[in-house]
Structures are given as C-alpha cells and as structure tokens.
Amino acid sequence: MNPANPIDLAVFEELCDTAGADFVAELVGTFLEEAPLLLSELREARAAGASPRFQRAAHSLKSNAQTFGGSELGGLARELELGGLDSASDERLQALDAAWQRTAATLKELQHG
C-alpha cells in the first residue's frame, strides 16, 4: 500500500468491477455514516471496560475498512480487536482516528472523482 494513499486502489477497483460502481457507492456511503459510530462505540466500550463490545466494534471497523482496501485503518482496528482493552491506549485510538480521517477523505474523493 502506498502510505500516501490509505486506500489500496487495486482492491477498490476490483470491488467496483465485481459489485458495480453504484453498489460500491452505496456501500461507501453507509461506511462513511457507520464508521464514526463504531469509533464512538470503541471509546465508550473502553471507558466502560466492556471488552466484548470493544472487540466487536474493532472487528466491524476492521472488516468494513478492508472491504474497500483500507489497509491502514483495517490494520489498526485489527490490532485493537486482537489486543482488546489492554491495547486501547490513547495513542492507538488517536492513530485510529487519524487513519479514519485519511480513509474517509480518500473514499469521498473516489466517490466524486
């Protein structure tokens, strides 16, 4: 993956070829709406000490990001999923938020570009 591009374009293009651009646009729209909710769920579950909730949210974020080729975001979410609450440092959550911002911006460009 190109570090300057948080989306693996080969994965994204293959998804578009396989599923169709219109369907992918719907998926992207749903992801752009749901990912911030998953990020909030991660923070809330961390604060509550709710490990299963935390890991479910991390798993969902990971899976959804990887669908579009979001390797960076998916990788960070995977680390949190596998590490659970013990891995949920402020720094890791900030890195996840930053990766989300880059991923969302790139997906929006791909949708409208």
N, C-alpha and C. Protein backbone atom coordinates (compact mmCIF):
# COMPACT_ATOMS: atom_id res chain seq x y z
N MET A 1 0.85 -1.19 0.00
CA MET A 1 0.00 0.00 0.00
C MET A 1 0.88 1.24 0.00
N ASN A 2 0.51 2.20 -0.75
CA ASN A 2 1.19 3.49 -0.78
C ASN A 2 0.82 4.24 0.50
N PRO A 3 1.83 4.62 1.33
CA PRO A 3 1.49 5.29 2.59
C PRO A 3 0.77 6.62 2.39
N ALA A 4 0.94 7.22 1.22
CA ALA A 4 0.26 8.48 0.96
C ALA A 4 -1.22 8.24 0.62
N ASN A 5 -1.58 7.01 0.27
CA ASN A 5 -2.96 6.70 -0.07
C ASN A 5 -3.47 5.60 0.87
N PRO A 6 -4.40 5.94 1.74
CA PRO A 6 -4.88 4.96 2.71
C PRO A 6 -5.77 3.88 2.11
N ILE A 7 -6.11 4.01 0.83
CA ILE A 7 -6.93 3.02 0.15
C ILE A 7 -6.08 2.30 -0.88
N ASP A 8 -6.08 0.98 -0.84
CA ASP A 8 -5.41 0.18 -1.86
C ASP A 8 -6.32 0.23 -3.09
N LEU A 9 -5.89 1.01 -4.08
CA LEU A 9 -6.73 1.25 -5.25
C LEU A 9 -7.03 -0.01 -6.04
N ALA A 10 -6.13 -0.98 -6.03
CA ALA A 10 -6.39 -2.23 -6.73
C ALA A 10 -7.58 -2.96 -6.08
N VAL A 11 -7.63 -2.97 -4.76
CA VAL A 11 -8.74 -3.61 -4.05
C VAL A 11 -10.03 -2.85 -4.33
N PHE A 12 -9.97 -1.53 -4.27
CA PHE A 12 -11.16 -0.71 -4.50
C PHE A 12 -11.68 -0.90 -5.93
N GLU A 13 -10.78 -0.89 -6.90
CA GLU A 13 -11.19 -1.06 -8.30
C GLU A 13 -11.76 -2.45 -8.56
N GLU A 14 -11.17 -3.46 -7.92
CA GLU A 14 -11.70 -4.82 -8.07
C GLU A 14 -13.10 -4.92 -7.49
N LEU A 15 -13.32 -4.27 -6.34
CA LEU A 15 -14.65 -4.25 -5.74
C LEU A 15 -15.64 -3.59 -6.68
N CYS A 16 -15.24 -2.48 -7.28
CA CYS A 16 -16.13 -1.78 -8.23
C CYS A 16 -16.43 -2.66 -9.44
N ASP A 17 -15.42 -3.35 -9.95
CA ASP A 17 -15.61 -4.23 -11.10
C ASP A 17 -16.53 -5.39 -10.77
N THR A 18 -16.36 -5.93 -9.57
CA THR A 18 -17.12 -7.10 -9.15
C THR A 18 -18.55 -6.75 -8.75
N ALA A 19 -18.71 -5.72 -7.95
CA ALA A 19 -20.02 -5.39 -7.37
C ALA A 19 -20.76 -4.31 -8.14
N GLY A 20 -20.03 -3.55 -8.94
CA GLY A 20 -20.66 -2.45 -9.67
C GLY A 20 -20.48 -1.14 -8.93
N ALA A 21 -20.21 -0.11 -9.70
CA ALA A 21 -19.91 1.21 -9.13
C ALA A 21 -21.06 1.76 -8.29
N ASP A 22 -22.29 1.56 -8.74
CA ASP A 22 -23.44 2.09 -7.98
C ASP A 22 -23.56 1.43 -6.61
N PHE A 23 -23.39 0.12 -6.58
CA PHE A 23 -23.48 -0.59 -5.31
C PHE A 23 -22.34 -0.18 -4.39
N VAL A 24 -21.14 -0.04 -4.95
CA VAL A 24 -19.99 0.37 -4.14
C VAL A 24 -20.22 1.77 -3.58
N ALA A 25 -20.82 2.65 -4.37
CA ALA A 25 -21.13 4.00 -3.88
C ALA A 25 -22.07 3.92 -2.68
N GLU A 26 -23.04 3.02 -2.73
CA GLU A 26 -23.94 2.83 -1.58
C GLU A 26 -23.18 2.31 -0.37
N LEU A 27 -22.30 1.33 -0.61
CA LEU A 27 -21.50 0.77 0.49
C LEU A 27 -20.62 1.84 1.12
N VAL A 28 -19.99 2.64 0.28
CA VAL A 28 -19.13 3.71 0.79
C VAL A 28 -19.95 4.68 1.63
N GLY A 29 -21.11 5.07 1.13
CA GLY A 29 -21.98 5.98 1.88
C GLY A 29 -22.35 5.43 3.24
N THR A 30 -22.69 4.15 3.28
CA THR A 30 -23.02 3.50 4.55
C THR A 30 -21.81 3.48 5.48
N PHE A 31 -20.65 3.15 4.93
CA PHE A 31 -19.43 3.11 5.73
C PHE A 31 -19.11 4.48 6.29
N LEU A 32 -19.25 5.52 5.49
CA LEU A 32 -18.96 6.87 5.94
C LEU A 32 -19.90 7.31 7.07
N GLU A 33 -21.10 6.76 7.09
CA GLU A 33 -22.05 7.05 8.17
C GLU A 33 -21.79 6.21 9.41
N GLU A 34 -21.45 4.93 9.21
CA GLU A 34 -21.36 4.00 10.33
C GLU A 34 -20.01 4.00 11.03
N ALA A 35 -18.94 4.27 10.32
CA ALA A 35 -17.61 4.21 10.94
C ALA A 35 -17.47 5.17 12.12
N PRO A 36 -17.96 6.42 12.03
CA PRO A 36 -17.87 7.29 13.21
C PRO A 36 -18.62 6.72 14.42
N LEU A 37 -19.71 6.01 14.17
CA LEU A 37 -20.45 5.38 15.27
C LEU A 37 -19.61 4.26 15.89
N LEU A 38 -18.90 3.51 15.06
CA LEU A 38 -18.04 2.45 15.58
C LEU A 38 -16.87 3.03 16.38
N LEU A 39 -16.33 4.15 15.92
CA LEU A 39 -15.25 4.80 16.66
C LEU A 39 -15.76 5.28 18.02
N SER A 40 -16.96 5.82 18.05
CA SER A 40 -17.56 6.22 19.34
C SER A 40 -17.80 5.01 20.22
N GLU A 41 -18.27 3.94 19.62
CA GLU A 41 -18.51 2.71 20.38
C GLU A 41 -17.21 2.19 21.00
N LEU A 42 -16.11 2.28 20.26
CA LEU A 42 -14.82 1.86 20.81
C LEU A 42 -14.48 2.66 22.06
N ARG A 43 -14.63 3.96 21.97
CA ARG A 43 -14.30 4.83 23.11
C ARG A 43 -15.23 4.57 24.30
N GLU A 44 -16.53 4.42 24.02
CA GLU A 44 -17.48 4.16 25.10
C GLU A 44 -17.22 2.80 25.75
N ALA A 45 -16.94 1.79 24.94
CA ALA A 45 -16.66 0.46 25.48
C ALA A 45 -15.37 0.47 26.30
N ARG A 46 -14.39 1.22 25.83
CA ARG A 46 -13.14 1.34 26.59
C ARG A 46 -13.41 1.98 27.94
N ALA A 47 -14.17 3.07 27.95
CA ALA A 47 -14.46 3.78 29.20
C ALA A 47 -15.25 2.89 30.17
N ALA A 48 -16.12 2.03 29.61
CA ALA A 48 -16.95 1.17 30.45
C ALA A 48 -16.23 -0.13 30.82
N GLY A 49 -15.06 -0.37 30.24
CA GLY A 49 -14.36 -1.62 30.49
C GLY A 49 -15.06 -2.81 29.88
N ALA A 50 -15.79 -2.57 28.80
CA ALA A 50 -16.60 -3.62 28.15
C ALA A 50 -15.80 -4.24 27.00
N SER A 51 -15.00 -5.22 27.33
CA SER A 51 -14.10 -5.83 26.35
C SER A 51 -14.82 -6.45 25.15
N PRO A 52 -15.87 -7.25 25.35
CA PRO A 52 -16.53 -7.83 24.18
C PRO A 52 -17.10 -6.76 23.23
N ARG A 53 -17.69 -5.74 23.80
CA ARG A 53 -18.22 -4.63 23.00
C ARG A 53 -17.10 -3.94 22.23
N PHE A 54 -15.99 -3.71 22.90
CA PHE A 54 -14.84 -3.07 22.29
C PHE A 54 -14.33 -3.90 21.11
N GLN A 55 -14.18 -5.20 21.34
CA GLN A 55 -13.65 -6.06 20.29
C GLN A 55 -14.63 -6.20 19.12
N ARG A 56 -15.92 -6.22 19.38
CA ARG A 56 -16.91 -6.27 18.28
C ARG A 56 -16.83 -5.03 17.42
N ALA A 57 -16.74 -3.87 18.06
CA ALA A 57 -16.66 -2.61 17.30
C ALA A 57 -15.37 -2.57 16.48
N ALA A 58 -14.26 -3.00 17.07
CA ALA A 58 -12.99 -3.02 16.34
C ALA A 58 -13.07 -4.00 15.17
N HIS A 59 -13.69 -5.15 15.40
CA HIS A 59 -13.85 -6.15 14.33
C HIS A 59 -14.67 -5.58 13.17
N SER A 60 -15.78 -4.95 13.49
CA SER A 60 -16.64 -4.38 12.44
C SER A 60 -15.90 -3.31 11.65
N LEU A 61 -15.19 -2.44 12.35
CA LEU A 61 -14.44 -1.38 11.69
C LEU A 61 -13.37 -1.98 10.78
N LYS A 62 -12.66 -2.98 11.29
CA LYS A 62 -11.62 -3.66 10.51
C LYS A 62 -12.21 -4.26 9.24
N SER A 63 -13.26 -5.04 9.39
CA SER A 63 -13.85 -5.73 8.24
C SER A 63 -14.37 -4.75 7.21
N ASN A 64 -15.05 -3.73 7.66
CA ASN A 64 -15.60 -2.75 6.73
C ASN A 64 -14.50 -2.00 6.00
N ALA A 65 -13.45 -1.60 6.70
CA ALA A 65 -12.35 -0.87 6.07
C ALA A 65 -11.66 -1.74 5.03
N GLN A 66 -11.44 -2.99 5.36
CA GLN A 66 -10.74 -3.88 4.43
C GLN A 66 -11.55 -4.17 3.18
N THR A 67 -12.86 -4.09 3.27
CA THR A 67 -13.70 -4.27 2.09
C THR A 67 -13.32 -3.30 0.98
N PHE A 68 -12.96 -2.07 1.37
CA PHE A 68 -12.63 -1.03 0.40
C PHE A 68 -11.14 -0.91 0.13
N GLY A 69 -10.33 -1.75 0.75
CA GLY A 69 -8.89 -1.63 0.61
C GLY A 69 -8.28 -0.68 1.61
N GLY A 70 -8.99 -0.40 2.69
CA GLY A 70 -8.48 0.49 3.73
C GLY A 70 -7.52 -0.26 4.64
N SER A 71 -6.33 -0.55 4.12
CA SER A 71 -5.37 -1.39 4.83
C SER A 71 -4.89 -0.76 6.13
N GLU A 72 -4.61 0.53 6.10
CA GLU A 72 -4.10 1.20 7.30
C GLU A 72 -5.15 1.17 8.41
N LEU A 73 -6.34 1.64 8.11
CA LEU A 73 -7.42 1.66 9.10
C LEU A 73 -7.76 0.25 9.55
N GLY A 74 -7.87 -0.67 8.59
CA GLY A 74 -8.18 -2.06 8.92
C GLY A 74 -7.11 -2.69 9.80
N GLY A 75 -5.86 -2.39 9.51
CA GLY A 75 -4.76 -2.94 10.31
C GLY A 75 -4.77 -2.43 11.74
N LEU A 76 -5.00 -1.14 11.90
CA LEU A 76 -5.06 -0.57 13.25
C LEU A 76 -6.25 -1.12 14.02
N ALA A 77 -7.39 -1.25 13.36
CA ALA A 77 -8.57 -1.81 14.02
C ALA A 77 -8.33 -3.28 14.39
N ARG A 78 -7.63 -4.01 13.53
CA ARG A 78 -7.31 -5.41 13.82
C ARG A 78 -6.45 -5.52 15.07
N GLU A 79 -5.46 -4.64 15.19
CA GLU A 79 -4.61 -4.66 16.39
C GLU A 79 -5.45 -4.44 17.65
N LEU A 80 -6.41 -3.54 17.57
CA LEU A 80 -7.28 -3.28 18.72
C LEU A 80 -8.21 -4.46 18.98
N GLU A 81 -8.71 -5.06 17.92
CA GLU A 81 -9.58 -6.22 18.07
C GLU A 81 -8.84 -7.36 18.78
N LEU A 82 -7.65 -7.65 18.32
CA LEU A 82 -6.89 -8.76 18.89
C LEU A 82 -6.33 -8.44 20.26
N GLY A 83 -5.94 -7.19 20.47
CA GLY A 83 -5.37 -6.79 21.75
C GLY A 83 -6.38 -6.46 22.81
N GLY A 84 -7.61 -6.21 22.40
CA GLY A 84 -8.67 -5.88 23.35
C GLY A 84 -8.38 -4.60 24.12
N LEU A 85 -9.00 -4.48 25.25
CA LEU A 85 -8.87 -3.26 26.05
C LEU A 85 -7.43 -2.98 26.46
N ASP A 86 -6.63 -4.02 26.62
CA ASP A 86 -5.23 -3.82 27.01
C ASP A 86 -4.45 -3.04 25.95
N SER A 87 -4.91 -3.09 24.71
CA SER A 87 -4.20 -2.41 23.62
C SER A 87 -4.77 -1.02 23.33
N ALA A 88 -5.78 -0.62 24.06
CA ALA A 88 -6.54 0.60 23.74
C ALA A 88 -5.96 1.83 24.40
N SER A 89 -4.72 2.15 24.07
CA SER A 89 -4.11 3.36 24.61
C SER A 89 -4.66 4.59 23.89
N ASP A 90 -4.52 5.74 24.52
CA ASP A 90 -4.94 6.99 23.87
C ASP A 90 -4.23 7.16 22.53
N GLU A 91 -2.95 6.81 22.48
CA GLU A 91 -2.16 6.97 21.26
C GLU A 91 -2.71 6.09 20.13
N ARG A 92 -3.06 4.86 20.46
CA ARG A 92 -3.61 3.96 19.43
C ARG A 92 -4.97 4.45 18.93
N LEU A 93 -5.78 4.93 19.84
CA LEU A 93 -7.09 5.45 19.41
C LEU A 93 -6.93 6.72 18.58
N GLN A 94 -5.95 7.54 18.92
CA GLN A 94 -5.68 8.74 18.11
C GLN A 94 -5.17 8.35 16.73
N ALA A 95 -4.32 7.33 16.67
CA ALA A 95 -3.83 6.85 15.37
C ALA A 95 -4.99 6.29 14.54
N LEU A 96 -5.91 5.60 15.20
CA LEU A 96 -7.08 5.07 14.51
C LEU A 96 -7.94 6.21 13.97
N ASP A 97 -8.16 7.24 14.78
CA ASP A 97 -8.93 8.40 14.33
C ASP A 97 -8.28 9.07 13.13
N ALA A 98 -6.96 9.22 13.17
CA ALA A 98 -6.24 9.86 12.06
C ALA A 98 -6.35 9.01 10.80
N ALA A 99 -6.22 7.69 10.96
CA ALA A 99 -6.36 6.80 9.80
C ALA A 99 -7.78 6.88 9.24
N TRP A 100 -8.76 6.98 10.13
CA TRP A 100 -10.15 7.13 9.68
C TRP A 100 -10.31 8.40 8.86
N GLN A 101 -9.76 9.49 9.33
CA GLN A 101 -9.89 10.76 8.61
C GLN A 101 -9.29 10.65 7.21
N ARG A 102 -8.11 10.05 7.10
CA ARG A 102 -7.46 9.87 5.79
C ARG A 102 -8.28 8.94 4.90
N THR A 103 -8.77 7.87 5.48
CA THR A 103 -9.57 6.90 4.71
C THR A 103 -10.86 7.53 4.22
N ALA A 104 -11.56 8.24 5.09
CA ALA A 104 -12.82 8.88 4.71
C ALA A 104 -12.60 9.91 3.61
N ALA A 105 -11.56 10.71 3.74
CA ALA A 105 -11.28 11.72 2.73
C ALA A 105 -11.00 11.08 1.37
N THR A 106 -10.24 10.01 1.37
CA THR A 106 -9.91 9.32 0.12
C THR A 106 -11.15 8.67 -0.48
N LEU A 107 -11.98 8.03 0.34
CA LEU A 107 -13.20 7.42 -0.19
C LEU A 107 -14.13 8.48 -0.78
N LYS A 108 -14.22 9.63 -0.14
CA LYS A 108 -15.05 10.72 -0.68
C LYS A 108 -14.52 11.18 -2.02
N GLU A 109 -13.20 11.28 -2.14
CA GLU A 109 -12.60 11.66 -3.43
C GLU A 109 -12.90 10.62 -4.50
N LEU A 110 -12.78 9.36 -4.15
CA LEU A 110 -13.04 8.29 -5.11
C LEU A 110 -14.51 8.27 -5.53
N GLN A 111 -15.39 8.60 -4.60
CA GLN A 111 -16.83 8.63 -4.91
C GLN A 111 -17.16 9.76 -5.88
N HIS A 112 -16.51 10.88 -5.72
CA HIS A 112 -16.87 12.07 -6.50
C HIS A 112 -15.87 12.37 -7.61
N GLY A 113 -14.81 11.58 -7.69
CA GLY A 113 -13.77 11.91 -8.62
C GLY A 113 -13.81 11.17 -9.88
